[in-house]
Amino acid sequence: MQELKLKALTLIFVILIALLQYPLWLGKGSWLRVWELNRKVHVQQEKNTALKARNAMLDAEVRDLKSGKAAIEERARSELGMIKQDEVFFQVIESQPQQQIQPSTQQQAQP
């Protein structure tokens, strides 16, 4: 009888431990969920870092456009093809190499 009570008590403790472990591994705040959220946070932090660098570059460009004419002039030259008054524009066009006609390699041998 004593042995039966001991086995029942052991079984109750095993079930109790299993019930306590379930939320830790598979529940709403489980280790797996925490690990997944940490991974997502890391990915989002990398995206944020890239976006902050992009924003800083855009901010510097905006400040440069507001304060100086050099950036405006550069944009007008590169994007719009504009030139200053009394300035001469030279466009250099490289000639394309002529294609050489190669004799056919399958010519019949002449006797």
PDB file of N, CA and C in Angstrom:
ATOM      1  N   MET A   1       0.808  -1.170   0.000  1.00  0.00           N
ATOM      2  CA  MET A   1       0.000   0.000   0.000  1.00  0.00           C
ATOM      3  C   MET A   1       0.874   1.266   0.000  1.00  0.00           C
ATOM      4  N   GLN A   2       1.893   1.235   0.822  1.00  0.00           N
ATOM      5  CA  GLN A   2       2.810   2.358   0.915  1.00  0.00           C
ATOM      6  C   GLN A   2       3.492   2.609  -0.436  1.00  0.00           C
ATOM      7  N   GLU A   3       3.843   1.552  -1.123  1.00  0.00           N
ATOM      8  CA  GLU A   3       4.505   1.652  -2.420  1.00  0.00           C
ATOM      9  C   GLU A   3       3.561   2.262  -3.457  1.00  0.00           C
ATOM     10  N   LEU A   4       2.289   1.923  -3.390  1.00  0.00           N
ATOM     11  CA  LEU A   4       1.286   2.486  -4.301  1.00  0.00           C
ATOM     12  C   LEU A   4       1.124   3.982  -4.071  1.00  0.00           C
ATOM     13  N   LYS A   5       1.128   4.410  -2.818  1.00  0.00           N
ATOM     14  CA  LYS A   5       1.021   5.837  -2.506  1.00  0.00           C
ATOM     15  C   LYS A   5       2.253   6.590  -3.010  1.00  0.00           C
ATOM     16  N   LEU A   6       3.426   5.967  -2.877  1.00  0.00           N
ATOM     17  CA  LEU A   6       4.661   6.579  -3.330  1.00  0.00           C
ATOM     18  C   LEU A   6       4.668   6.733  -4.853  1.00  0.00           C
ATOM     19  N   LYS A   7       4.173   5.732  -5.567  1.00  0.00           N
ATOM     20  CA  LYS A   7       4.098   5.809  -7.029  1.00  0.00           C
ATOM     21  C   LYS A   7       3.088   6.875  -7.468  1.00  0.00           C
ATOM     22  N   ALA A   8       1.983   6.966  -6.757  1.00  0.00           N
ATOM     23  CA  ALA A   8       0.964   7.969  -7.084  1.00  0.00           C
ATOM     24  C   ALA A   8       1.523   9.378  -6.827  1.00  0.00           C
ATOM     25  N   LEU A   9       2.235   9.534  -5.736  1.00  0.00           N
ATOM     26  CA  LEU A   9       2.830  10.831  -5.424  1.00  0.00           C
ATOM     27  C   LEU A   9       3.886  11.216  -6.469  1.00  0.00           C
ATOM     28  N   THR A  10       4.672  10.250  -6.892  1.00  0.00           N
ATOM     29  CA  THR A  10       5.674  10.491  -7.939  1.00  0.00           C
ATOM     30  C   THR A  10       4.990  10.891  -9.238  1.00  0.00           C
ATOM     31  N   LEU A  11       3.930  10.218  -9.589  1.00  0.00           N
ATOM     32  CA  LEU A  11       3.177  10.529 -10.805  1.00  0.00           C
ATOM     33  C   LEU A  11       2.577  11.939 -10.732  1.00  0.00           C
ATOM     34  N   ILE A  12       2.053  12.297  -9.565  1.00  0.00           N
ATOM     35  CA  ILE A  12       1.491  13.644  -9.383  1.00  0.00           C
ATOM     36  C   ILE A  12       2.584  14.706  -9.554  1.00  0.00           C
ATOM     37  N   PHE A  13       3.758  14.471  -8.985  1.00  0.00           N
ATOM     38  CA  PHE A  13       4.864  15.422  -9.126  1.00  0.00           C
ATOM     39  C   PHE A  13       5.334  15.536 -10.573  1.00  0.00           C
ATOM     40  N   VAL A  14       5.383  14.430 -11.294  1.00  0.00           N
ATOM     41  CA  VAL A  14       5.792  14.448 -12.706  1.00  0.00           C
ATOM     42  C   VAL A  14       4.787  15.246 -13.529  1.00  0.00           C
ATOM     43  N   ILE A  15       3.518  15.031 -13.277  1.00  0.00           N
ATOM     44  CA  ILE A  15       2.469  15.766 -13.997  1.00  0.00           C
ATOM     45  C   ILE A  15       2.547  17.254 -13.644  1.00  0.00           C
ATOM     46  N   LEU A  16       2.760  17.556 -12.367  1.00  0.00           N
ATOM     47  CA  LEU A  16       2.872  18.948 -11.938  1.00  0.00           C
ATOM     48  C   LEU A  16       4.071  19.642 -12.587  1.00  0.00           C
ATOM     49  N   ILE A  17       5.187  18.960 -12.648  1.00  0.00           N
ATOM     50  CA  ILE A  17       6.377  19.525 -13.288  1.00  0.00           C
ATOM     51  C   ILE A  17       6.125  19.733 -14.780  1.00  0.00           C
ATOM     52  N   ALA A  18       5.461  18.765 -15.426  1.00  0.00           N
ATOM     53  CA  ALA A  18       5.141  18.904 -16.852  1.00  0.00           C
ATOM     54  C   ALA A  18       4.216  20.095 -17.078  1.00  0.00           C
ATOM     55  N   LEU A  19       3.244  20.281 -16.202  1.00  0.00           N
ATOM     56  CA  LEU A  19       2.330  21.414 -16.337  1.00  0.00           C
ATOM     57  C   LEU A  19       3.053  22.751 -16.129  1.00  0.00           C
ATOM     58  N   LEU A  20       4.029  22.770 -15.241  1.00  0.00           N
ATOM     59  CA  LEU A  20       4.799  23.985 -15.019  1.00  0.00           C
ATOM     60  C   LEU A  20       5.776  24.273 -16.172  1.00  0.00           C
ATOM     61  N   GLN A  21       6.261  23.232 -16.818  1.00  0.00           N
ATOM     62  CA  GLN A  21       7.214  23.397 -17.917  1.00  0.00           C
ATOM     63  C   GLN A  21       6.540  23.806 -19.229  1.00  0.00           C
ATOM     64  N   TYR A  22       5.288  23.464 -19.408  1.00  0.00           N
ATOM     65  CA  TYR A  22       4.591  23.750 -20.666  1.00  0.00           C
ATOM     66  C   TYR A  22       4.622  25.244 -21.022  1.00  0.00           C
ATOM     67  N   PRO A  23       4.239  26.139 -20.110  1.00  0.00           N
ATOM     68  CA  PRO A  23       4.284  27.562 -20.479  1.00  0.00           C
ATOM     69  C   PRO A  23       5.705  28.060 -20.750  1.00  0.00           C
ATOM     70  N   LEU A  24       6.676  27.467 -20.066  1.00  0.00           N
ATOM     71  CA  LEU A  24       8.059  27.886 -20.257  1.00  0.00           C
ATOM     72  C   LEU A  24       8.547  27.596 -21.671  1.00  0.00           C
ATOM     73  N   TRP A  25       8.166  26.462 -22.244  1.00  0.00           N
ATOM     74  CA  TRP A  25       8.656  26.064 -23.562  1.00  0.00           C
ATOM     75  C   TRP A  25       7.672  26.348 -24.692  1.00  0.00           C
ATOM     76  N   LEU A  26       6.388  26.239 -24.439  1.00  0.00           N
ATOM     77  CA  LEU A  26       5.416  26.324 -25.528  1.00  0.00           C
ATOM     78  C   LEU A  26       4.336  27.384 -25.331  1.00  0.00           C
ATOM     79  N   GLY A  27       4.304  28.053 -24.221  1.00  0.00           N
ATOM     80  CA  GLY A  27       3.231  29.015 -23.934  1.00  0.00           C
ATOM     81  C   GLY A  27       3.454  30.368 -24.593  1.00  0.00           C
ATOM     82  N   LYS A  28       2.652  31.325 -24.165  1.00  0.00           N
ATOM     83  CA  LYS A  28       2.673  32.666 -24.752  1.00  0.00           C
ATOM     84  C   LYS A  28       4.017  33.367 -24.544  1.00  0.00           C
ATOM     85  N   GLY A  29       4.613  33.241 -23.397  1.00  0.00           N
ATOM     86  CA  GLY A  29       5.909  33.865 -23.121  1.00  0.00           C
ATOM     87  C   GLY A  29       7.036  32.857 -23.116  1.00  0.00           C
ATOM     88  N   SER A  30       6.986  31.890 -23.990  1.00  0.00           N
ATOM     89  CA  SER A  30       7.958  30.794 -23.979  1.00  0.00           C
ATOM     90  C   SER A  30       9.329  31.250 -24.468  1.00  0.00           C
ATOM     91  N   TRP A  31      10.314  30.399 -24.237  1.00  0.00           N
ATOM     92  CA  TRP A  31      11.669  30.678 -24.689  1.00  0.00           C
ATOM     93  C   TRP A  31      11.732  30.769 -26.199  1.00  0.00           C
ATOM     94  N   LEU A  32      10.968  29.937 -26.865  1.00  0.00           N
ATOM     95  CA  LEU A  32      10.965  29.967 -28.328  1.00  0.00           C
ATOM     96  C   LEU A  32      10.426  31.306 -28.839  1.00  0.00           C
ATOM     97  N   ARG A  33       9.386  31.800 -28.223  1.00  0.00           N
ATOM     98  CA  ARG A  33       8.799  33.096 -28.618  1.00  0.00           C
ATOM     99  C   ARG A  33       9.773  34.233 -28.316  1.00  0.00           C
ATOM    100  N   VAL A  34      10.430  34.181 -27.180  1.00  0.00           N
ATOM    101  CA  VAL A  34      11.412  35.207 -26.822  1.00  0.00           C
ATOM    102  C   VAL A  34      12.569  35.184 -27.816  1.00  0.00           C
ATOM    103  N   TRP A  35      13.049  34.012 -28.180  1.00  0.00           N
ATOM    104  CA  TRP A  35      14.141  33.879 -29.144  1.00  0.00           C
ATOM    105  C   TRP A  35      13.727  34.462 -30.495  1.00  0.00           C
ATOM    106  N   GLU A  36      12.509  34.152 -30.954  1.00  0.00           N
ATOM    107  CA  GLU A  36      12.007  34.664 -32.231  1.00  0.00           C
ATOM    108  C   GLU A  36      11.874  36.188 -32.190  1.00  0.00           C
ATOM    109  N   LEU A  37      11.369  36.725 -31.096  1.00  0.00           N
ATOM    110  CA  LEU A  37      11.235  38.182 -30.977  1.00  0.00           C
ATOM    111  C   LEU A  37      12.602  38.862 -30.937  1.00  0.00           C
ATOM    112  N   ASN A  38      13.573  38.266 -30.277  1.00  0.00           N
ATOM    113  CA  ASN A  38      14.929  38.820 -30.263  1.00  0.00           C
ATOM    114  C   ASN A  38      15.521  38.854 -31.668  1.00  0.00           C
ATOM    115  N   ARG A  39      15.261  37.818 -32.438  1.00  0.00           N
ATOM    116  CA  ARG A  39      15.748  37.768 -33.821  1.00  0.00           C
ATOM    117  C   ARG A  39      15.100  38.876 -34.649  1.00  0.00           C
ATOM    118  N   LYS A  40      13.782  39.075 -34.479  1.00  0.00           N
ATOM    119  CA  LYS A  40      13.078  40.128 -35.211  1.00  0.00           C
ATOM    120  C   LYS A  40      13.576  41.514 -34.809  1.00  0.00           C
ATOM    121  N   VAL A  41      13.844  41.696 -33.523  1.00  0.00           N
ATOM    122  CA  VAL A  41      14.372  42.981 -33.047  1.00  0.00           C
ATOM    123  C   VAL A  41      15.728  43.257 -33.690  1.00  0.00           C
ATOM    124  N   HIS A  42      16.569  42.245 -33.763  1.00  0.00           N
ATOM    125  CA  HIS A  42      17.896  42.409 -34.366  1.00  0.00           C
ATOM    126  C   HIS A  42      17.778  42.793 -35.839  1.00  0.00           C
ATOM    127  N   VAL A  43      16.900  42.138 -36.576  1.00  0.00           N
ATOM    128  CA  VAL A  43      16.687  42.453 -37.991  1.00  0.00           C
ATOM    129  C   VAL A  43      16.175  43.887 -38.135  1.00  0.00           C
ATOM    130  N   GLN A  44      15.235  44.282 -37.292  1.00  0.00           N
ATOM    131  CA  GLN A  44      14.687  45.632 -37.367  1.00  0.00           C
ATOM    132  C   GLN A  44      15.737  46.685 -37.010  1.00  0.00           C
ATOM    133  N   GLN A  45      16.621  46.384 -36.057  1.00  0.00           N
ATOM    134  CA  GLN A  45      17.681  47.314 -35.709  1.00  0.00           C
ATOM    135  C   GLN A  45      18.638  47.517 -36.880  1.00  0.00           C
ATOM    136  N   GLU A  46      18.911  46.449 -37.626  1.00  0.00           N
ATOM    137  CA  GLU A  46      19.776  46.576 -38.805  1.00  0.00           C
ATOM    138  C   GLU A  46      19.107  47.462 -39.860  1.00  0.00           C
ATOM    139  N   LYS A  47      17.793  47.265 -40.063  1.00  0.00           N
ATOM    140  CA  LYS A  47      17.068  48.097 -41.015  1.00  0.00           C
ATOM    141  C   LYS A  47      17.082  49.552 -40.568  1.00  0.00           C
ATOM    142  N   ASN A  48      16.868  49.783 -39.267  1.00  0.00           N
ATOM    143  CA  ASN A  48      16.864  51.138 -38.733  1.00  0.00           C
ATOM    144  C   ASN A  48      18.216  51.819 -38.916  1.00  0.00           C
ATOM    145  N   THR A  49      19.296  51.072 -38.719  1.00  0.00           N
ATOM    146  CA  THR A  49      20.635  51.630 -38.899  1.00  0.00           C
ATOM    147  C   THR A  49      20.839  52.068 -40.342  1.00  0.00           C
ATOM    148  N   ALA A  50      20.415  51.230 -41.285  1.00  0.00           N
ATOM    149  CA  ALA A  50      20.549  51.581 -42.701  1.00  0.00           C
ATOM    150  C   ALA A  50      19.701  52.801 -43.038  1.00  0.00           C
ATOM    151  N   LEU A  51      18.502  52.857 -42.494  1.00  0.00           N
ATOM    152  CA  LEU A  51      17.626  53.998 -42.768  1.00  0.00           C
ATOM    153  C   LEU A  51      18.146  55.286 -42.125  1.00  0.00           C
ATOM    154  N   LYS A  52      18.755  55.169 -40.942  1.00  0.00           N
ATOM    155  CA  LYS A  52      19.338  56.348 -40.303  1.00  0.00           C
ATOM    156  C   LYS A  52      20.484  56.898 -41.146  1.00  0.00           C
ATOM    157  N   ALA A  53      21.303  56.005 -41.704  1.00  0.00           N
ATOM    158  CA  ALA A  53      22.402  56.451 -42.561  1.00  0.00           C
ATOM    159  C   ALA A  53      21.852  57.137 -43.816  1.00  0.00           C
ATOM    160  N   ARG A  54      20.806  56.578 -44.385  1.00  0.00           N
ATOM    161  CA  ARG A  54      20.174  57.175 -45.569  1.00  0.00           C
ATOM    162  C   ARG A  54      19.587  58.540 -45.224  1.00  0.00           C
ATOM    163  N   ASN A  55      18.923  58.637 -44.081  1.00  0.00           N
ATOM    164  CA  ASN A  55      18.341  59.908 -43.649  1.00  0.00           C
ATOM    165  C   ASN A  55      19.416  60.960 -43.412  1.00  0.00           C
ATOM    166  N   ALA A  56      20.533  60.559 -42.827  1.00  0.00           N
ATOM    167  CA  ALA A  56      21.625  61.498 -42.586  1.00  0.00           C
ATOM    168  C   ALA A  56      22.181  62.011 -43.910  1.00  0.00           C
ATOM    169  N   MET A  57      22.301  61.121 -44.899  1.00  0.00           N
ATOM    170  CA  MET A  57      22.797  61.525 -46.205  1.00  0.00           C
ATOM    171  C   MET A  57      21.822  62.498 -46.872  1.00  0.00           C
ATOM    172  N   LEU A  58      20.533  62.202 -46.789  1.00  0.00           N
ATOM    173  CA  LEU A  58      19.527  63.089 -47.367  1.00  0.00           C
ATOM    174  C   LEU A  58      19.495  64.431 -46.638  1.00  0.00           C
ATOM    175  N   ASP A  59      19.646  64.410 -45.331  1.00  0.00           N
ATOM    176  CA  ASP A  59      19.666  65.645 -44.548  1.00  0.00           C
ATOM    177  C   ASP A  59      20.850  66.517 -44.947  1.00  0.00           C
ATOM    178  N   ALA A  60      22.013  65.890 -45.125  1.00  0.00           N
ATOM    179  CA  ALA A  60      23.196  66.648 -45.545  1.00  0.00           C
ATOM    180  C   ALA A  60      22.983  67.244 -46.935  1.00  0.00           C
ATOM    181  N   GLU A  61      22.367  66.487 -47.813  1.00  0.00           N
ATOM    182  CA  GLU A  61      22.098  66.991 -49.161  1.00  0.00           C
ATOM    183  C   GLU A  61      21.114  68.165 -49.126  1.00  0.00           C
ATOM    184  N   VAL A  62      20.090  68.070 -48.296  1.00  0.00           N
ATOM    185  CA  VAL A  62      19.116  69.158 -48.177  1.00  0.00           C
ATOM    186  C   VAL A  62      19.797  70.411 -47.629  1.00  0.00           C
ATOM    187  N   ARG A  63      20.610  70.259 -46.589  1.00  0.00           N
ATOM    188  CA  ARG A  63      21.319  71.418 -46.020  1.00  0.00           C
ATOM    189  C   ARG A  63      22.243  72.048 -47.064  1.00  0.00           C
ATOM    190  N   ASP A  64      22.916  71.188 -47.851  1.00  0.00           N
ATOM    191  CA  ASP A  64      23.813  71.685 -48.881  1.00  0.00           C
ATOM    192  C   ASP A  64      23.035  72.438 -49.963  1.00  0.00           C
ATOM    193  N   LEU A  65      21.884  71.914 -50.341  1.00  0.00           N
ATOM    194  CA  LEU A  65      21.068  72.585 -51.353  1.00  0.00           C
ATOM    195  C   LEU A  65      20.518  73.914 -50.841  1.00  0.00           C
ATOM    196  N   LYS A  66      20.197  73.980 -49.561  1.00  0.00           N
ATOM    197  CA  LYS A  66      19.667  75.217 -48.996  1.00  0.00           C
ATOM    198  C   LYS A  66      20.745  76.285 -48.851  1.00  0.00           C
ATOM    199  N   SER A  67      21.972  75.885 -48.558  1.00  0.00           N
ATOM    200  CA  SER A  67      22.999  76.857 -48.212  1.00  0.00           C
ATOM    201  C   SER A  67      23.882  77.284 -49.376  1.00  0.00           C
ATOM    202  N   GLY A  68      24.153  76.411 -50.316  1.00  0.00           N
ATOM    203  CA  GLY A  68      25.127  76.774 -51.340  1.00  0.00           C
ATOM    204  C   GLY A  68      24.623  76.576 -52.752  1.00  0.00           C
ATOM    205  N   LYS A  69      25.284  77.309 -53.670  1.00  0.00           N
ATOM    206  CA  LYS A  69      24.923  77.190 -55.075  1.00  0.00           C
ATOM    207  C   LYS A  69      25.705  76.095 -55.775  1.00  0.00           C
ATOM    208  N   ALA A  70      26.771  75.610 -55.155  1.00  0.00           N
ATOM    209  CA  ALA A  70      27.611  74.600 -55.787  1.00  0.00           C
ATOM    210  C   ALA A  70      26.838  73.312 -56.038  1.00  0.00           C
ATOM    211  N   ALA A  71      26.037  72.891 -55.079  1.00  0.00           N
ATOM    212  CA  ALA A  71      25.274  71.656 -55.247  1.00  0.00           C
ATOM    213  C   ALA A  71      24.203  71.823 -56.318  1.00  0.00           C
ATOM    214  N   ILE A  72      23.582  73.004 -56.356  1.00  0.00           N
ATOM    215  CA  ILE A  72      22.558  73.262 -57.374  1.00  0.00           C
ATOM    216  C   ILE A  72      23.203  73.255 -58.755  1.00  0.00           C
ATOM    217  N   GLU A  73      24.378  73.890 -58.851  1.00  0.00           N
ATOM    218  CA  GLU A  73      25.086  73.921 -60.126  1.00  0.00           C
ATOM    219  C   GLU A  73      25.485  72.521 -60.570  1.00  0.00           C
ATOM    220  N   GLU A  74      25.958  71.732 -59.630  1.00  0.00           N
ATOM    221  CA  GLU A  74      26.359  70.356 -59.963  1.00  0.00           C
ATOM    222  C   GLU A  74      25.175  69.553 -60.475  1.00  0.00           C
ATOM    223  N   ARG A  75      24.039  69.678 -59.798  1.00  0.00           N
ATOM    224  CA  ARG A  75      22.834  68.966 -60.239  1.00  0.00           C
ATOM    225  C   ARG A  75      22.395  69.428 -61.621  1.00  0.00           C
ATOM    226  N   ALA A  76      22.443  70.728 -61.865  1.00  0.00           N
ATOM    227  CA  ALA A  76      22.038  71.259 -63.168  1.00  0.00           C
ATOM    228  C   ALA A  76      22.952  70.729 -64.259  1.00  0.00           C
ATOM    229  N   ARG A  77      24.225  70.622 -63.973  1.00  0.00           N
ATOM    230  CA  ARG A  77      25.172  70.099 -64.971  1.00  0.00           C
ATOM    231  C   ARG A  77      24.963  68.602 -65.216  1.00  0.00           C
ATOM    232  N   SER A  78      24.892  67.832 -64.153  1.00  0.00           N
ATOM    233  CA  SER A  78      24.854  66.375 -64.322  1.00  0.00           C
ATOM    234  C   SER A  78      23.485  65.858 -64.749  1.00  0.00           C
ATOM    235  N   GLU A  79      22.421  66.376 -64.168  1.00  0.00           N
ATOM    236  CA  GLU A  79      21.096  65.824 -64.443  1.00  0.00           C
ATOM    237  C   GLU A  79      20.387  66.513 -65.605  1.00  0.00           C
ATOM    238  N   LEU A  80      20.646  67.821 -65.782  1.00  0.00           N
ATOM    239  CA  LEU A  80      19.930  68.573 -66.816  1.00  0.00           C
ATOM    240  C   LEU A  80      20.803  68.927 -68.012  1.00  0.00           C
ATOM    241  N   GLY A  81      22.117  68.699 -67.897  1.00  0.00           N
ATOM    242  CA  GLY A  81      23.016  68.976 -69.011  1.00  0.00           C
ATOM    243  C   GLY A  81      23.206  70.460 -69.261  1.00  0.00           C
ATOM    244  N   MET A  82      23.044  71.278 -68.260  1.00  0.00           N
ATOM    245  CA  MET A  82      23.158  72.724 -68.425  1.00  0.00           C
ATOM    246  C   MET A  82      24.625  73.158 -68.347  1.00  0.00           C
ATOM    247  N   ILE A  83      24.931  74.298 -68.991  1.00  0.00           N
ATOM    248  CA  ILE A  83      26.270  74.867 -68.938  1.00  0.00           C
ATOM    249  C   ILE A  83      26.149  76.350 -68.590  1.00  0.00           C
ATOM    250  N   LYS A  84      27.264  76.929 -68.138  1.00  0.00           N
ATOM    251  CA  LYS A  84      27.275  78.344 -67.779  1.00  0.00           C
ATOM    252  C   LYS A  84      27.315  79.200 -69.040  1.00  0.00           C
ATOM    253  N   GLN A  85      26.966  80.450 -68.876  1.00  0.00           N
ATOM    254  CA  GLN A  85      27.053  81.402 -69.974  1.00  0.00           C
ATOM    255  C   GLN A  85      28.527  81.604 -70.320  1.00  0.00           C
ATOM    256  N   ASP A  86      28.832  81.701 -71.608  1.00  0.00           N
ATOM    257  CA  ASP A  86      30.195  81.854 -72.136  1.00  0.00           C
ATOM    258  C   ASP A  86      31.065  80.636 -71.832  1.00  0.00           C
ATOM    259  N   GLU A  87      30.454  79.500 -71.648  1.00  0.00           N
ATOM    260  CA  GLU A  87      31.197  78.267 -71.400  1.00  0.00           C
ATOM    261  C   GLU A  87      31.063  77.397 -72.640  1.00  0.00           C
ATOM    262  N   VAL A  88      32.127  76.728 -73.012  1.00  0.00           N
ATOM    263  CA  VAL A  88      32.110  75.873 -74.195  1.00  0.00           C
ATOM    264  C   VAL A  88      32.035  74.433 -73.726  1.00  0.00           C
ATOM    265  N   PHE A  89      31.124  73.703 -74.333  1.00  0.00           N
ATOM    266  CA  PHE A  89      30.910  72.299 -73.957  1.00  0.00           C
ATOM    267  C   PHE A  89      31.464  71.411 -75.055  1.00  0.00           C
ATOM    268  N   PHE A  90      32.338  70.512 -74.713  1.00  0.00           N
ATOM    269  CA  PHE A  90      32.890  69.553 -75.668  1.00  0.00           C
ATOM    270  C   PHE A  90      32.389  68.177 -75.295  1.00  0.00           C
ATOM    271  N   GLN A  91      31.856  67.480 -76.271  1.00  0.00           N
ATOM    272  CA  GLN A  91      31.403  66.114 -76.041  1.00  0.00           C
ATOM    273  C   GLN A  91      32.291  65.199 -76.858  1.00  0.00           C
ATOM    274  N   VAL A  92      32.937  64.285 -76.202  1.00  0.00           N
ATOM    275  CA  VAL A  92      33.852  63.358 -76.858  1.00  0.00           C
ATOM    276  C   VAL A  92      33.120  62.046 -77.075  1.00  0.00           C
ATOM    277  N   ILE A  93      33.048  61.656 -78.319  1.00  0.00           N
ATOM    278  CA  ILE A  93      32.386  60.391 -78.662  1.00  0.00           C
ATOM    279  C   ILE A  93      33.460  59.430 -79.135  1.00  0.00           C
ATOM    280  N   GLU A  94      33.561  58.331 -78.478  1.00  0.00           N
ATOM    281  CA  GLU A  94      34.555  57.336 -78.859  1.00  0.00           C
ATOM    282  C   GLU A  94      34.030  56.557 -80.050  1.00  0.00           C
ATOM    283  N   SER A  95      34.923  56.331 -81.002  1.00  0.00           N
ATOM    284  CA  SER A  95      34.495  55.571 -82.184  1.00  0.00           C
ATOM    285  C   SER A  95      34.427  54.100 -81.820  1.00  0.00           C
ATOM    286  N   GLN A  96      33.464  53.442 -82.405  1.00  0.00           N
ATOM    287  CA  GLN A  96      33.301  52.018 -82.139  1.00  0.00           C
ATOM    288  C   GLN A  96      34.241  51.241 -83.044  1.00  0.00           C
ATOM    289  N   PRO A  97      34.878  50.219 -82.526  1.00  0.00           N
ATOM    290  CA  PRO A  97      35.793  49.437 -83.376  1.00  0.00           C
ATOM    291  C   PRO A  97      35.011  48.755 -84.491  1.00  0.00           C
ATOM    292  N   GLN A  98      35.628  48.753 -85.681  1.00  0.00           N
ATOM    293  CA  GLN A  98      34.975  48.111 -86.815  1.00  0.00           C
ATOM    294  C   GLN A  98      35.069  46.605 -86.658  1.00  0.00           C
ATOM    295  N   GLN A  99      34.007  45.957 -87.035  1.00  0.00           N
ATOM    296  CA  GLN A  99      33.990  44.498 -86.942  1.00  0.00           C
ATOM    297  C   GLN A  99      34.729  43.932 -88.148  1.00  0.00           C
ATOM    298  N   GLN A 100      35.646  43.039 -87.868  1.00  0.00           N
ATOM    299  CA  GLN A 100      36.394  42.418 -88.954  1.00  0.00           C
ATOM    300  C   GLN A 100      35.650  41.183 -89.414  1.00  0.00           C
ATOM    301  N   ILE A 101      35.585  41.024 -90.703  1.00  0.00           N
ATOM    302  CA  ILE A 101      34.910  39.852 -91.263  1.00  0.00           C
ATOM    303  C   ILE A 101      35.926  38.725 -91.297  1.00  0.00           C
ATOM    304  N   GLN A 102      35.586  37.671 -90.611  1.00  0.00           N
ATOM    305  CA  GLN A 102      36.469  36.519 -90.527  1.00  0.00           C
ATOM    306  C   GLN A 102      36.101  35.535 -91.639  1.00  0.00           C
ATOM    307  N   PRO A 103      37.070  34.981 -92.325  1.00  0.00           N
ATOM    308  CA  PRO A 103      36.741  33.984 -93.362  1.00  0.00           C
ATOM    309  C   PRO A 103      36.163  32.729 -92.708  1.00  0.00           C
ATOM    310  N   SER A 104      35.244  32.131 -93.424  1.00  0.00           N
ATOM    311  CA  SER A 104      34.584  30.949 -92.910  1.00  0.00           C
ATOM    312  C   SER A 104      35.583  29.833 -92.722  1.00  0.00           C
ATOM    313  N   THR A 105      35.488  29.126 -91.643  1.00  0.00           N
ATOM    314  CA  THR A 105      36.423  28.040 -91.359  1.00  0.00           C
ATOM    315  C   THR A 105      35.999  26.741 -92.032  1.00  0.00           C
ATOM    316  N   GLN A 106      34.825  26.771 -92.646  1.00  0.00           N
ATOM    317  CA  GLN A 106      34.315  25.547 -93.255  1.00  0.00           C
ATOM    318  C   GLN A 106      34.426  25.613 -94.790  1.00  0.00           C
ATOM    319  N   GLN A 107      35.436  26.284 -95.298  1.00  0.00           N
ATOM    320  CA  GLN A 107      35.619  26.340 -96.744  1.00  0.00           C
ATOM    321  C   GLN A 107      36.125  24.988 -97.242  1.00  0.00           C
ATOM    322  N   GLN A 108      35.708  24.647 -98.413  1.00  0.00           N
ATOM    323  CA  GLN A 108      36.137  23.363 -98.974  1.00  0.00           C
ATOM    324  C   GLN A 108      37.566  23.508 -99.494  1.00  0.00           C
ATOM    325  N   ALA A 109      38.319  22.491 -99.302  1.00  0.00           N
ATOM    326  CA  ALA A 109      39.708  22.496 -99.771  1.00  0.00           C
ATOM    327  C   ALA A 109      39.705  22.418-101.272  1.00  0.00           C
ATOM    328  N   GLN A 110      40.484  23.286-101.919  1.00  0.00           N
ATOM    329  CA  GLN A 110      40.574  23.283-103.384  1.00  0.00           C
ATOM    330  C   GLN A 110      41.732  22.394-103.809  1.00  0.00           C
ATOM    331  N   PRO A 111      41.520  21.529-104.813  1.00  0.00           N
ATOM    332  CA  PRO A 111      42.600  20.613-105.246  1.00  0.00           C
ATOM    333  C   PRO A 111      43.671  21.278-106.034  1.00  0.00           C
TER     334      PRO A 111
END
